[in-house]
Amino acid sequence: KLQLDPAAAAALLPWADARAGIEA
């Protein structure tokens, strides 16, 4: 479990936005 500040958490993507990167 990691504690992140809100700015860091913004770098994490929901599935719809992550799909292209995962597929690549």
mmCIF file of all heavy atoms, coordinates in Angstrom:
data_MODEL
# 
_entry.id   MODEL 
# 
loop_
_atom_site.group_PDB 
_atom_site.id 
_atom_site.type_symbol 
_atom_site.label_atom_id 
_atom_site.label_alt_id 
_atom_site.label_comp_id 
_atom_site.label_asym_id 
_atom_site.label_entity_id 
_atom_site.label_seq_id 
_atom_site.pdbx_PDB_ins_code 
_atom_site.Cartn_x 
_atom_site.Cartn_y 
_atom_site.Cartn_z 
_atom_site.occupancy 
_atom_site.B_iso_or_equiv 
_atom_site.pdbx_formal_charge 
_atom_site.auth_seq_id 
_atom_site.auth_comp_id 
_atom_site.auth_asym_id 
_atom_site.auth_atom_id 
_atom_site.pdbx_PDB_model_num 
ATOM 1   N N   . LYS A 1 1  ? 0.876   -1.168 0.000   1.00 0.00 ? 1  LYS A N   1 
ATOM 2   C CA  . LYS A 1 1  ? 0.000   0.000  0.000   1.00 0.00 ? 1  LYS A CA  1 
ATOM 3   C C   . LYS A 1 1  ? 0.912   1.215  0.000   1.00 0.00 ? 1  LYS A C   1 
ATOM 4   O O   . LYS A 1 1  ? 1.873   1.281  0.761   1.00 0.00 ? 1  LYS A O   1 
ATOM 5   C CB  . LYS A 1 1  ? -0.913  0.008  1.224   1.00 0.00 ? 1  LYS A CB  1 
ATOM 6   C CG  . LYS A 1 1  ? -1.945  -1.095 1.191   1.00 0.00 ? 1  LYS A CG  1 
ATOM 7   C CD  . LYS A 1 1  ? -2.877  -1.028 2.382   1.00 0.00 ? 1  LYS A CD  1 
ATOM 8   C CE  . LYS A 1 1  ? -3.857  -2.196 2.333   1.00 0.00 ? 1  LYS A CE  1 
ATOM 9   N NZ  . LYS A 1 1  ? -4.774  -2.173 3.489   1.00 0.00 ? 1  LYS A NZ  1 
ATOM 10  N N   . LEU A 1 2  ? 0.610   2.135  -0.904  1.00 0.00 ? 2  LEU A N   1 
ATOM 11  C CA  . LEU A 1 2  ? 1.403   3.350  -1.052  1.00 0.00 ? 2  LEU A CA  1 
ATOM 12  C C   . LEU A 1 2  ? 0.558   4.574  -0.745  1.00 0.00 ? 2  LEU A C   1 
ATOM 13  O O   . LEU A 1 2  ? -0.610  4.641  -1.157  1.00 0.00 ? 2  LEU A O   1 
ATOM 14  C CB  . LEU A 1 2  ? 1.949   3.472  -2.476  1.00 0.00 ? 2  LEU A CB  1 
ATOM 15  C CG  . LEU A 1 2  ? 2.922   2.404  -2.958  1.00 0.00 ? 2  LEU A CG  1 
ATOM 16  C CD1 . LEU A 1 2  ? 3.310   2.664  -4.412  1.00 0.00 ? 2  LEU A CD1 1 
ATOM 17  C CD2 . LEU A 1 2  ? 4.149   2.323  -2.078  1.00 0.00 ? 2  LEU A CD2 1 
ATOM 18  N N   . GLN A 1 3  ? 1.147   5.520  -0.057  1.00 0.00 ? 3  GLN A N   1 
ATOM 19  C CA  . GLN A 1 3  ? 0.533   6.830  0.177   1.00 0.00 ? 3  GLN A CA  1 
ATOM 20  C C   . GLN A 1 3  ? 1.022   7.757  -0.924  1.00 0.00 ? 3  GLN A C   1 
ATOM 21  O O   . GLN A 1 3  ? 2.231   7.911  -1.109  1.00 0.00 ? 3  GLN A O   1 
ATOM 22  C CB  . GLN A 1 3  ? 0.954   7.375  1.539   1.00 0.00 ? 3  GLN A CB  1 
ATOM 23  C CG  . GLN A 1 3  ? 0.458   8.778  1.835   1.00 0.00 ? 3  GLN A CG  1 
ATOM 24  C CD  . GLN A 1 3  ? -0.990  8.787  2.253   1.00 0.00 ? 3  GLN A CD  1 
ATOM 25  O OE1 . GLN A 1 3  ? -1.386  8.023  3.119   1.00 0.00 ? 3  GLN A OE1 1 
ATOM 26  N NE2 . GLN A 1 3  ? -1.779  9.626  1.617   1.00 0.00 ? 3  GLN A NE2 1 
ATOM 27  N N   . LEU A 1 4  ? 0.076   8.327  -1.682  1.00 0.00 ? 4  LEU A N   1 
ATOM 28  C CA  . LEU A 1 4  ? 0.414   9.228  -2.781  1.00 0.00 ? 4  LEU A CA  1 
ATOM 29  C C   . LEU A 1 4  ? -0.210  10.583 -2.535  1.00 0.00 ? 4  LEU A C   1 
ATOM 30  O O   . LEU A 1 4  ? -1.307  10.672 -1.985  1.00 0.00 ? 4  LEU A O   1 
ATOM 31  C CB  . LEU A 1 4  ? -0.141  8.689  -4.109  1.00 0.00 ? 4  LEU A CB  1 
ATOM 32  C CG  . LEU A 1 4  ? 0.343   7.323  -4.525  1.00 0.00 ? 4  LEU A CG  1 
ATOM 33  C CD1 . LEU A 1 4  ? -0.765  6.501  -5.123  1.00 0.00 ? 4  LEU A CD1 1 
ATOM 34  C CD2 . LEU A 1 4  ? 1.428   7.477  -5.536  1.00 0.00 ? 4  LEU A CD2 1 
ATOM 35  N N   . ASP A 1 5  ? 0.461   11.627 -2.978  1.00 0.00 ? 5  ASP A N   1 
ATOM 36  C CA  . ASP A 1 5  ? -0.211  12.925 -2.927  1.00 0.00 ? 5  ASP A CA  1 
ATOM 37  C C   . ASP A 1 5  ? -1.076  13.048 -4.174  1.00 0.00 ? 5  ASP A C   1 
ATOM 38  O O   . ASP A 1 5  ? -0.892  12.317 -5.148  1.00 0.00 ? 5  ASP A O   1 
ATOM 39  C CB  . ASP A 1 5  ? 0.793   14.071 -2.771  1.00 0.00 ? 5  ASP A CB  1 
ATOM 40  C CG  . ASP A 1 5  ? 1.714   14.236 -3.957  1.00 0.00 ? 5  ASP A CG  1 
ATOM 41  O OD1 . ASP A 1 5  ? 1.232   14.235 -5.109  1.00 0.00 ? 5  ASP A OD1 1 
ATOM 42  O OD2 . ASP A 1 5  ? 2.931   14.373 -3.740  1.00 0.00 ? 5  ASP A OD2 1 
ATOM 43  N N   . PRO A 1 6  ? -2.078  13.947 -4.155  1.00 0.00 ? 6  PRO A N   1 
ATOM 44  C CA  . PRO A 1 6  ? -3.003  14.046 -5.303  1.00 0.00 ? 6  PRO A CA  1 
ATOM 45  C C   . PRO A 1 6  ? -2.317  14.279 -6.643  1.00 0.00 ? 6  PRO A C   1 
ATOM 46  O O   . PRO A 1 6  ? -2.749  13.757 -7.660  1.00 0.00 ? 6  PRO A O   1 
ATOM 47  C CB  . PRO A 1 6  ? -3.912  15.214 -4.924  1.00 0.00 ? 6  PRO A CB  1 
ATOM 48  C CG  . PRO A 1 6  ? -3.875  15.247 -3.431  1.00 0.00 ? 6  PRO A CG  1 
ATOM 49  C CD  . PRO A 1 6  ? -2.479  14.823 -3.059  1.00 0.00 ? 6  PRO A CD  1 
ATOM 50  N N   . ALA A 1 7  ? -1.232  15.052 -6.658  1.00 0.00 ? 7  ALA A N   1 
ATOM 51  C CA  . ALA A 1 7  ? -0.525  15.308 -7.924  1.00 0.00 ? 7  ALA A CA  1 
ATOM 52  C C   . ALA A 1 7  ? 0.066   14.021 -8.480  1.00 0.00 ? 7  ALA A C   1 
ATOM 53  O O   . ALA A 1 7  ? 0.029   13.772 -9.686  1.00 0.00 ? 7  ALA A O   1 
ATOM 54  C CB  . ALA A 1 7  ? 0.557   16.353 -7.721  1.00 0.00 ? 7  ALA A CB  1 
ATOM 55  N N   . ALA A 1 8  ? 0.609   13.170 -7.612  1.00 0.00 ? 8  ALA A N   1 
ATOM 56  C CA  . ALA A 1 8  ? 1.179   11.897 -8.058  1.00 0.00 ? 8  ALA A CA  1 
ATOM 57  C C   . ALA A 1 8  ? 0.086   10.966 -8.559  1.00 0.00 ? 8  ALA A C   1 
ATOM 58  O O   . ALA A 1 8  ? 0.250   10.281 -9.570  1.00 0.00 ? 8  ALA A O   1 
ATOM 59  C CB  . ALA A 1 8  ? 1.965   11.238 -6.931  1.00 0.00 ? 8  ALA A CB  1 
ATOM 60  N N   . ALA A 1 9  ? -1.044  10.943 -7.865  1.00 0.00 ? 9  ALA A N   1 
ATOM 61  C CA  . ALA A 1 9  ? -2.145  10.061 -8.252  1.00 0.00 ? 9  ALA A CA  1 
ATOM 62  C C   . ALA A 1 9  ? -2.692  10.411 -9.635  1.00 0.00 ? 9  ALA A C   1 
ATOM 63  O O   . ALA A 1 9  ? -3.238  9.550  -10.328 1.00 0.00 ? 9  ALA A O   1 
ATOM 64  C CB  . ALA A 1 9  ? -3.249  10.109 -7.205  1.00 0.00 ? 9  ALA A CB  1 
ATOM 65  N N   . ALA A 1 10 ? -2.529  11.646 -10.053 1.00 0.00 ? 10 ALA A N   1 
ATOM 66  C CA  . ALA A 1 10 ? -3.009  12.066 -11.372 1.00 0.00 ? 10 ALA A CA  1 
ATOM 67  C C   . ALA A 1 10 ? -2.293  11.338 -12.512 1.00 0.00 ? 10 ALA A C   1 
ATOM 68  O O   . ALA A 1 10 ? -2.798  11.282 -13.632 1.00 0.00 ? 10 ALA A O   1 
ATOM 69  C CB  . ALA A 1 10 ? -2.855  13.572 -11.533 1.00 0.00 ? 10 ALA A CB  1 
ATOM 70  N N   . ALA A 1 11 ? -1.123  10.746 -12.243 1.00 0.00 ? 11 ALA A N   1 
ATOM 71  C CA  . ALA A 1 11 ? -0.375  10.004 -13.267 1.00 0.00 ? 11 ALA A CA  1 
ATOM 72  C C   . ALA A 1 11 ? -0.940  8.607  -13.493 1.00 0.00 ? 11 ALA A C   1 
ATOM 73  O O   . ALA A 1 11 ? -0.566  7.927  -14.443 1.00 0.00 ? 11 ALA A O   1 
ATOM 74  C CB  . ALA A 1 11 ? 1.092   9.905  -12.877 1.00 0.00 ? 11 ALA A CB  1 
ATOM 75  N N   . LEU A 1 12 ? -1.858  8.173  -12.635 1.00 0.00 ? 12 LEU A N   1 
ATOM 76  C CA  . LEU A 1 12 ? -2.479  6.850  -12.766 1.00 0.00 ? 12 LEU A CA  1 
ATOM 77  C C   . LEU A 1 12 ? -3.721  6.988  -13.632 1.00 0.00 ? 12 LEU A C   1 
ATOM 78  O O   . LEU A 1 12 ? -4.446  7.978  -13.540 1.00 0.00 ? 12 LEU A O   1 
ATOM 79  C CB  . LEU A 1 12 ? -2.823  6.294  -11.385 1.00 0.00 ? 12 LEU A CB  1 
ATOM 80  C CG  . LEU A 1 12 ? -1.664  6.288  -10.388 1.00 0.00 ? 12 LEU A CG  1 
ATOM 81  C CD1 . LEU A 1 12 ? -2.144  5.772  -9.040  1.00 0.00 ? 12 LEU A CD1 1 
ATOM 82  C CD2 . LEU A 1 12 ? -0.498  5.482  -10.907 1.00 0.00 ? 12 LEU A CD2 1 
ATOM 83  N N   . LEU A 1 13 ? -3.963  5.989  -14.458 1.00 0.00 ? 13 LEU A N   1 
ATOM 84  C CA  . LEU A 1 13 ? -5.017  6.113  -15.469 1.00 0.00 ? 13 LEU A CA  1 
ATOM 85  C C   . LEU A 1 13 ? -6.162  5.136  -15.252 1.00 0.00 ? 13 LEU A C   1 
ATOM 86  O O   . LEU A 1 13 ? -5.937  3.958  -14.952 1.00 0.00 ? 13 LEU A O   1 
ATOM 87  C CB  . LEU A 1 13 ? -4.418  5.841  -16.857 1.00 0.00 ? 13 LEU A CB  1 
ATOM 88  C CG  . LEU A 1 13 ? -3.243  6.712  -17.275 1.00 0.00 ? 13 LEU A CG  1 
ATOM 89  C CD1 . LEU A 1 13 ? -2.670  6.210  -18.603 1.00 0.00 ? 13 LEU A CD1 1 
ATOM 90  C CD2 . LEU A 1 13 ? -3.668  8.165  -17.376 1.00 0.00 ? 13 LEU A CD2 1 
ATOM 91  N N   . PRO A 1 14 ? -7.407  5.595  -15.487 1.00 0.00 ? 14 PRO A N   1 
ATOM 92  C CA  . PRO A 1 14 ? -8.520  4.657  -15.525 1.00 0.00 ? 14 PRO A CA  1 
ATOM 93  C C   . PRO A 1 14 ? -8.379  3.771  -16.760 1.00 0.00 ? 14 PRO A C   1 
ATOM 94  O O   . PRO A 1 14 ? -7.656  4.124  -17.706 1.00 0.00 ? 14 PRO A O   1 
ATOM 95  C CB  . PRO A 1 14 ? -9.757  5.556  -15.600 1.00 0.00 ? 14 PRO A CB  1 
ATOM 96  C CG  . PRO A 1 14 ? -9.266  6.847  -16.147 1.00 0.00 ? 14 PRO A CG  1 
ATOM 97  C CD  . PRO A 1 14 ? -7.825  6.974  -15.728 1.00 0.00 ? 14 PRO A CD  1 
ATOM 98  N N   . TRP A 1 15 ? -9.069  2.636  -16.759 1.00 0.00 ? 15 TRP A N   1 
ATOM 99  C CA  . TRP A 1 15 ? -8.935  1.658  -17.840 1.00 0.00 ? 15 TRP A CA  1 
ATOM 100 C C   . TRP A 1 15 ? -9.063  2.295  -19.219 1.00 0.00 ? 15 TRP A C   1 
ATOM 101 O O   . TRP A 1 15 ? -8.244  2.034  -20.109 1.00 0.00 ? 15 TRP A O   1 
ATOM 102 C CB  . TRP A 1 15 ? -9.946  0.520  -17.676 1.00 0.00 ? 15 TRP A CB  1 
ATOM 103 C CG  . TRP A 1 15 ? -10.052 -0.287 -18.929 1.00 0.00 ? 15 TRP A CG  1 
ATOM 104 C CD1 . TRP A 1 15 ? -11.123 -0.378 -19.767 1.00 0.00 ? 15 TRP A CD1 1 
ATOM 105 C CD2 . TRP A 1 15 ? -9.025  -1.090 -19.534 1.00 0.00 ? 15 TRP A CD2 1 
ATOM 106 N NE1 . TRP A 1 15 ? -10.826 -1.172 -20.843 1.00 0.00 ? 15 TRP A NE1 1 
ATOM 107 C CE2 . TRP A 1 15 ? -9.536  -1.637 -20.730 1.00 0.00 ? 15 TRP A CE2 1 
ATOM 108 C CE3 . TRP A 1 15 ? -7.714  -1.398 -19.184 1.00 0.00 ? 15 TRP A CE3 1 
ATOM 109 C CZ2 . TRP A 1 15 ? -8.805  -2.465 -21.561 1.00 0.00 ? 15 TRP A CZ2 1 
ATOM 110 C CZ3 . TRP A 1 15 ? -6.974  -2.227 -20.020 1.00 0.00 ? 15 TRP A CZ3 1 
ATOM 111 C CH2 . TRP A 1 15 ? -7.520  -2.757 -21.187 1.00 0.00 ? 15 TRP A CH2 1 
ATOM 112 N N   . ALA A 1 16 ? -10.077 3.128  -19.436 1.00 0.00 ? 16 ALA A N   1 
ATOM 113 C CA  . ALA A 1 16 ? -10.314 3.694  -20.769 1.00 0.00 ? 16 ALA A CA  1 
ATOM 114 C C   . ALA A 1 16 ? -9.095  4.467  -21.276 1.00 0.00 ? 16 ALA A C   1 
ATOM 115 O O   . ALA A 1 16 ? -8.783  4.430  -22.466 1.00 0.00 ? 16 ALA A O   1 
ATOM 116 C CB  . ALA A 1 16 ? -11.551 4.598  -20.744 1.00 0.00 ? 16 ALA A CB  1 
ATOM 117 N N   . ASP A 1 17 ? -8.393  5.147  -20.379 1.00 0.00 ? 17 ASP A N   1 
ATOM 118 C CA  . ASP A 1 17 ? -7.213  5.919  -20.776 1.00 0.00 ? 17 ASP A CA  1 
ATOM 119 C C   . ASP A 1 17 ? -5.947  5.073  -20.815 1.00 0.00 ? 17 ASP A C   1 
ATOM 120 O O   . ASP A 1 17 ? -5.000  5.393  -21.529 1.00 0.00 ? 17 ASP A O   1 
ATOM 121 C CB  . ASP A 1 17 ? -7.018  7.096  -19.818 1.00 0.00 ? 17 ASP A CB  1 
ATOM 122 C CG  . ASP A 1 17 ? -8.174  8.090  -19.873 1.00 0.00 ? 17 ASP A CG  1 
ATOM 123 O OD1 . ASP A 1 17 ? -8.820  8.214  -20.937 1.00 0.00 ? 17 ASP A OD1 1 
ATOM 124 O OD2 . ASP A 1 17 ? -8.440  8.731  -18.839 1.00 0.00 ? 17 ASP A OD2 1 
ATOM 125 N N   . ALA A 1 18 ? -5.909  3.998  -20.039 1.00 0.00 ? 18 ALA A N   1 
ATOM 126 C CA  . ALA A 1 18 ? -4.722  3.136  -19.973 1.00 0.00 ? 18 ALA A CA  1 
ATOM 127 C C   . ALA A 1 18 ? -4.682  2.105  -21.094 1.00 0.00 ? 18 ALA A C   1 
ATOM 128 O O   . ALA A 1 18 ? -3.611  1.598  -21.424 1.00 0.00 ? 18 ALA A O   1 
ATOM 129 C CB  . ALA A 1 18 ? -4.678  2.413  -18.626 1.00 0.00 ? 18 ALA A CB  1 
ATOM 130 N N   . ARG A 1 19 ? -5.823  1.804  -21.677 1.00 0.00 ? 19 ARG A N   1 
ATOM 131 C CA  . ARG A 1 19 ? -5.915  0.715  -22.656 1.00 0.00 ? 19 ARG A CA  1 
ATOM 132 C C   . ARG A 1 19 ? -4.890  0.825  -23.782 1.00 0.00 ? 19 ARG A C   1 
ATOM 133 O O   . ARG A 1 19 ? -4.193  -0.141 -24.093 1.00 0.00 ? 19 ARG A O   1 
ATOM 134 C CB  . ARG A 1 19 ? -7.321  0.636  -23.236 1.00 0.00 ? 19 ARG A CB  1 
ATOM 135 C CG  . ARG A 1 19 ? -7.444  -0.475 -24.248 1.00 0.00 ? 19 ARG A CG  1 
ATOM 136 C CD  . ARG A 1 19 ? -8.777  -0.495 -24.973 1.00 0.00 ? 19 ARG A CD  1 
ATOM 137 N NE  . ARG A 1 19 ? -8.717  -1.507 -25.999 1.00 0.00 ? 19 ARG A NE  1 
ATOM 138 C CZ  . ARG A 1 19 ? -9.464  -2.587 -26.035 1.00 0.00 ? 19 ARG A CZ  1 
ATOM 139 N NH1 . ARG A 1 19 ? -10.361 -2.793 -25.105 1.00 0.00 ? 19 ARG A NH1 1 
ATOM 140 N NH2 . ARG A 1 19 ? -9.326  -3.464 -27.006 1.00 0.00 ? 19 ARG A NH2 1 
ATOM 141 N N   . ALA A 1 20 ? -4.763  1.985  -24.388 1.00 0.00 ? 20 ALA A N   1 
ATOM 142 C CA  . ALA A 1 20 ? -3.837  2.145  -25.527 1.00 0.00 ? 20 ALA A CA  1 
ATOM 143 C C   . ALA A 1 20 ? -2.398  1.870  -25.097 1.00 0.00 ? 20 ALA A C   1 
ATOM 144 O O   . ALA A 1 20 ? -1.641  1.216  -25.816 1.00 0.00 ? 20 ALA A O   1 
ATOM 145 C CB  . ALA A 1 20 ? -3.966  3.528  -26.143 1.00 0.00 ? 20 ALA A CB  1 
ATOM 146 N N   . GLY A 1 21 ? -2.004  2.362  -23.925 1.00 0.00 ? 21 GLY A N   1 
ATOM 147 C CA  . GLY A 1 21 ? -0.646  2.128  -23.436 1.00 0.00 ? 21 GLY A CA  1 
ATOM 148 C C   . GLY A 1 21 ? -0.392  0.674  -23.107 1.00 0.00 ? 21 GLY A C   1 
ATOM 149 O O   . GLY A 1 21 ? 0.693   0.136  -23.369 1.00 0.00 ? 21 GLY A O   1 
ATOM 150 N N   . ILE A 1 22 ? -1.393  0.005  -22.533 1.00 0.00 ? 22 ILE A N   1 
ATOM 151 C CA  . ILE A 1 22 ? -1.265  -1.423 -22.215 1.00 0.00 ? 22 ILE A CA  1 
ATOM 152 C C   . ILE A 1 22 ? -1.184  -2.229 -23.504 1.00 0.00 ? 22 ILE A C   1 
ATOM 153 O O   . ILE A 1 22 ? -0.353  -3.137 -23.635 1.00 0.00 ? 22 ILE A O   1 
ATOM 154 C CB  . ILE A 1 22 ? -2.422  -1.891 -21.313 1.00 0.00 ? 22 ILE A CB  1 
ATOM 155 C CG1 . ILE A 1 22 ? -2.302  -1.230 -19.932 1.00 0.00 ? 22 ILE A CG1 1 
ATOM 156 C CG2 . ILE A 1 22 ? -2.443  -3.417 -21.193 1.00 0.00 ? 22 ILE A CG2 1 
ATOM 157 C CD1 . ILE A 1 22 ? -3.500  -1.418 -19.035 1.00 0.00 ? 22 ILE A CD1 1 
ATOM 158 N N   . GLU A 1 23 ? -2.006  -1.869 -24.469 1.00 0.00 ? 23 GLU A N   1 
ATOM 159 C CA  . GLU A 1 23 ? -1.970  -2.569 -25.751 1.00 0.00 ? 23 GLU A CA  1 
ATOM 160 C C   . GLU A 1 23 ? -0.624  -2.372 -26.446 1.00 0.00 ? 23 GLU A C   1 
ATOM 161 O O   . GLU A 1 23 ? -0.071  -3.313 -27.036 1.00 0.00 ? 23 GLU A O   1 
ATOM 162 C CB  . GLU A 1 23 ? -3.113  -2.092 -26.648 1.00 0.00 ? 23 GLU A CB  1 
ATOM 163 C CG  . GLU A 1 23 ? -3.406  -3.030 -27.770 1.00 0.00 ? 23 GLU A CG  1 
ATOM 164 C CD  . GLU A 1 23 ? -4.800  -2.853 -28.340 1.00 0.00 ? 23 GLU A CD  1 
ATOM 165 O OE1 . GLU A 1 23 ? -5.410  -1.787 -28.173 1.00 0.00 ? 23 GLU A OE1 1 
ATOM 166 O OE2 . GLU A 1 23 ? -5.265  -3.821 -28.974 1.00 0.00 ? 23 GLU A OE2 1 
ATOM 167 N N   . ALA A 1 24 ? -0.044  -1.186 -26.354 1.00 0.00 ? 24 ALA A N   1 
ATOM 168 C CA  . ALA A 1 24 ? 1.280   -0.933 -26.940 1.00 0.00 ? 24 ALA A CA  1 
ATOM 169 C C   . ALA A 1 24 ? 2.334   -1.799 -26.260 1.00 0.00 ? 24 ALA A C   1 
ATOM 170 O O   . ALA A 1 24 ? 3.222   -2.344 -26.931 1.00 0.00 ? 24 ALA A O   1 
ATOM 171 C CB  . ALA A 1 24 ? 1.637   0.545  -26.826 1.00 0.00 ? 24 ALA A CB  1 
# 
